[in-house]
Amino acid sequence: MKNKIIKLLFFIIFSIILNNNLLSQSLNFYREKIIVELQDEFCIIKGTYYLKNSSFMNINCLLYYPFIINNEMSFPHKIKITNLKNQNNISFKSDNNGIYFSVNVLKDSISIYQIIYHQKIKNNRMEYILTTTEKWGKPFEYAEYIYKMPINYEVKYTSILPDETVIEGNTRILKCNKINFMPTKNLIIEWEKNNEK
């Protein structure tokens, strides 16, 4: 009787581990759109993230969203997370380096989440974490990066080069599209102000 109970417990534990592994492999972070808006002494990040569940079960899991926190960039404020499919605001918990929040992706479907936050910056430099994409084990099928700034801002360096630059009124907009993209470094933008413009 004791051996049967041990075998049953082993089977249950093994089934839970196997099921969790299958679910984690079935959830695919396959697309993102990041808009960086540069302003005096802070930047606004608007990230839209696409999650695909190709399994036969609904997936509800906790995700961690890290920030760059250093002498040049403080912990973000005005953080807002939205499930764009139902427009529900998502609650979150924070630690010293990021936030935790739950995502729910129905079986054989796609969920879209948007995260917006403001972050104070110094020395005309911002950095956004991209390298965590590698932990998902797959490159982005499609990624879009847009940098917006006043027309008197001139970009001196960016780790992801833009494909095009357009001027809309007093705003300079740089755009970059990537296909089958696995980031190997973070998104970094450095700029200077030209007061003559």
Protein backbone atom coordinates (compact mmCIF):
# COMPACT_ATOMS: atom_id res chain seq x y z
CA MET A 1 0.00 0.00 0.00
CA LYS A 2 2.82 2.38 0.93
CA ASN A 3 4.59 1.71 -2.40
CA LYS A 4 1.39 2.45 -4.33
CA ILE A 5 1.00 5.81 -2.54
CA ILE A 6 4.64 6.72 -3.29
CA LYS A 7 4.18 5.79 -6.94
CA LEU A 8 0.97 7.83 -7.12
CA LEU A 9 2.66 10.89 -5.58
CA PHE A 10 5.61 10.51 -7.97
CA PHE A 11 3.22 10.32 -10.93
CA ILE A 12 1.34 13.47 -9.79
CA ILE A 13 4.56 15.45 -9.26
CA PHE A 14 5.98 14.28 -12.59
CA SER A 15 2.73 15.21 -14.36
CA ILE A 16 2.76 18.72 -12.85
CA ILE A 17 6.39 19.29 -13.88
CA LEU A 18 5.77 17.94 -17.38
CA ASN A 19 2.62 20.02 -17.80
CA ASN A 20 4.37 23.21 -16.66
CA ASN A 21 7.23 22.58 -19.10
CA LEU A 22 4.81 22.01 -21.96
CA LEU A 23 2.87 25.18 -21.13
CA SER A 24 6.04 27.29 -20.90
CA GLN A 25 7.13 25.97 -24.30
CA SER A 26 3.70 26.73 -25.76
CA LEU A 27 3.66 30.40 -24.71
CA ASN A 28 5.51 32.38 -27.36
CA PHE A 29 6.52 36.04 -27.01
CA TYR A 30 6.64 36.59 -30.75
CA ARG A 31 6.19 40.29 -31.41
CA GLU A 32 6.72 43.69 -29.82
CA LYS A 33 6.38 47.38 -30.60
CA ILE A 34 8.38 49.85 -28.53
CA ILE A 35 7.84 53.60 -28.71
CA VAL A 36 10.40 55.77 -26.91
CA GLU A 37 9.47 59.42 -26.47
CA LEU A 38 12.35 61.62 -25.34
CA GLN A 39 11.61 64.76 -23.36
CA ASP A 40 13.51 67.06 -21.01
CA GLU A 41 14.91 64.97 -18.15
CA PHE A 42 12.66 61.95 -18.71
CA CYS A 43 11.46 59.52 -21.32
CA ILE A 44 8.12 57.81 -21.90
CA ILE A 45 8.13 54.16 -22.90
CA LYS A 46 5.11 52.58 -24.53
CA GLY A 47 5.62 48.87 -25.13
CA THR A 48 3.09 46.61 -26.83
CA TYR A 49 3.72 42.89 -26.40
CA TYR A 50 2.16 39.97 -28.27
CA LEU A 51 1.89 36.53 -26.64
CA LYS A 52 0.76 33.43 -28.52
CA ASN A 53 -0.55 30.28 -26.82
CA SER A 54 -0.36 27.29 -29.15
CA SER A 55 -1.30 24.73 -26.50
CA PHE A 56 -4.60 22.96 -25.78
CA MET A 57 -4.92 24.65 -22.36
CA ASN A 58 -5.37 28.21 -21.11
CA ILE A 59 -2.16 29.69 -19.69
CA ASN A 60 -2.11 31.98 -16.69
CA CYS A 61 1.38 32.84 -15.52
CA LEU A 62 3.40 35.49 -13.73
CA LEU A 63 5.87 37.56 -15.77
CA TYR A 64 8.73 39.73 -14.57
CA TYR A 65 9.39 43.04 -16.36
CA PRO A 66 12.83 44.50 -15.48
CA PHE A 67 13.97 48.11 -15.75
CA ILE A 68 17.39 49.70 -16.11
CA ILE A 69 18.04 51.34 -12.73
CA ASN A 70 21.31 53.23 -12.25
CA ASN A 71 22.74 56.68 -11.56
CA GLU A 72 21.32 57.95 -14.85
CA MET A 73 17.89 56.32 -14.76
CA SER A 74 15.66 56.18 -11.68
CA PHE A 75 12.84 53.72 -11.00
CA PRO A 76 9.92 54.49 -13.35
CA HIS A 77 6.70 56.17 -12.29
CA LYS A 78 3.20 56.41 -13.80
CA ILE A 79 3.36 52.71 -14.66
CA LYS A 80 0.25 51.38 -16.39
CA ILE A 81 -0.39 47.87 -17.72
CA THR A 82 -3.37 47.15 -19.98
CA ASN A 83 -4.75 44.00 -21.57
CA LEU A 84 -5.57 45.44 -25.00
CA LYS A 85 -7.98 42.65 -25.91
CA ASN A 86 -10.44 43.58 -23.16
CA GLN A 87 -9.02 46.99 -22.12
CA ASN A 88 -8.67 45.84 -18.50
CA ASN A 89 -5.99 47.46 -16.35
CA ILE A 90 -3.60 44.90 -14.85
CA SER A 91 -2.32 45.21 -11.28
CA PHE A 92 1.35 44.61 -10.53
CA LYS A 93 3.86 44.30 -7.71
CA SER A 94 7.31 45.83 -7.77
CA ASP A 95 10.75 45.16 -6.37
CA ASN A 96 13.94 47.24 -6.63
CA ASN A 97 14.53 46.41 -10.30
CA GLY A 98 11.18 45.72 -11.95
CA ILE A 99 7.57 44.64 -11.70
CA TYR A 100 5.59 41.38 -11.60
CA PHE A 101 2.22 40.93 -13.27
CA SER A 102 -0.03 38.10 -14.41
CA VAL A 103 -0.93 37.34 -18.00
CA ASN A 104 -3.78 35.17 -19.20
CA VAL A 105 -3.66 33.67 -22.69
CA LEU A 106 -6.52 31.44 -23.80
CA LYS A 107 -5.74 28.19 -25.58
CA ASP A 108 -4.83 28.53 -29.25
CA SER A 109 -5.08 32.33 -29.13
CA ILE A 110 -3.14 35.60 -28.85
CA SER A 111 -3.10 38.15 -26.03
CA ILE A 112 -1.74 41.67 -26.33
CA TYR A 113 -0.45 43.64 -23.35
CA GLN A 114 0.68 47.25 -23.24
CA ILE A 115 2.99 48.76 -20.63
CA ILE A 116 3.48 52.52 -20.38
CA TYR A 117 5.77 54.25 -17.93
CA HIS A 118 7.75 57.45 -17.36
CA GLN A 119 11.40 57.30 -16.32
CA LYS A 120 13.70 60.14 -15.28
CA ILE A 121 17.02 60.26 -17.12
CA LYS A 122 20.31 62.15 -16.95
CA ASN A 123 23.08 63.03 -19.39
CA ASN A 124 20.87 62.67 -22.50
CA ARG A 125 21.02 58.88 -22.44
CA MET A 126 18.36 56.18 -22.08
CA GLU A 127 18.49 52.40 -22.03
CA TYR A 128 15.74 49.81 -22.40
CA ILE A 129 16.24 46.09 -21.70
CA LEU A 130 15.99 43.88 -24.79
CA THR A 131 18.34 40.99 -24.04
CA THR A 132 15.80 39.16 -21.85
CA THR A 133 14.15 38.09 -25.12
CA GLU A 134 16.75 35.34 -25.28
CA LYS A 135 15.19 33.67 -22.24
CA TRP A 136 12.10 32.92 -24.33
CA GLY A 137 14.21 30.79 -26.63
CA LYS A 138 12.94 32.27 -29.89
CA PRO A 139 13.55 35.46 -31.88
CA PHE A 140 10.80 37.96 -32.51
CA GLU A 141 8.89 37.21 -35.67
CA TYR A 142 8.47 40.97 -36.00
CA ALA A 143 9.65 43.90 -33.90
CA GLU A 144 9.12 47.62 -34.35
CA TYR A 145 11.07 50.40 -32.63
CA ILE A 146 10.09 54.07 -32.83
CA TYR A 147 11.98 57.00 -31.29
CA LYS A 148 10.20 60.36 -30.93
CA MET A 149 11.91 63.56 -29.87
CA PRO A 150 11.80 67.34 -30.30
CA ILE A 151 13.24 68.47 -33.61
CA ASN A 152 16.21 70.13 -31.87
CA TYR A 153 17.36 66.74 -30.49
CA GLU A 154 20.05 65.06 -32.56
CA VAL A 155 20.76 61.38 -32.02
CA LYS A 156 24.48 60.74 -31.50
CA TYR A 157 24.21 56.98 -30.99
CA THR A 158 21.59 54.25 -31.03
CA SER A 159 22.17 50.53 -30.65
CA ILE A 160 19.37 49.81 -33.14
CA LEU A 161 19.80 51.92 -36.24
CA PRO A 162 16.64 53.42 -37.75
CA ASP A 163 15.40 52.54 -41.23
CA GLU A 164 13.90 55.97 -41.79
CA THR A 165 13.53 59.41 -40.24
CA VAL A 166 10.50 61.64 -40.67
CA ILE A 167 9.62 65.10 -39.40
CA GLU A 168 6.09 65.79 -38.18
CA GLY A 169 5.69 69.39 -37.05
CA ASN A 170 8.25 69.95 -34.29
CA THR A 171 8.83 66.23 -33.71
CA ARG A 172 11.58 64.07 -35.17
CA ILE A 173 10.56 60.40 -35.55
CA LEU A 174 12.99 57.55 -36.21
CA LYS A 175 11.58 54.14 -37.19
CA CYS A 176 13.09 50.67 -37.32
CA ASN A 177 11.46 47.38 -38.30
CA LYS A 178 13.01 43.98 -37.60
CA ILE A 179 12.05 40.50 -38.86
CA ASN A 180 13.22 37.28 -37.18
CA PHE A 181 15.05 39.43 -34.64
CA MET A 182 16.92 38.15 -31.57
CA PRO A 183 18.37 41.13 -29.66
CA THR A 184 21.96 40.72 -28.52
CA LYS A 185 22.16 44.08 -26.75
CA ASN A 186 19.82 46.54 -25.08
CA LEU A 187 18.22 49.48 -26.81
CA ILE A 188 20.38 52.52 -26.06
CA ILE A 189 19.83 56.06 -27.33
CA GLU A 190 22.19 58.99 -26.77
CA TRP A 191 21.50 62.48 -28.03
CA GLU A 192 22.32 66.15 -27.68
CA LYS A 193 20.27 69.29 -27.97
CA ASN A 194 20.87 71.81 -30.72
CA ASN A 195 19.49 75.08 -29.37
CA GLU A 196 19.84 76.77 -32.77
CA LYS A 197 16.90 74.78 -34.21
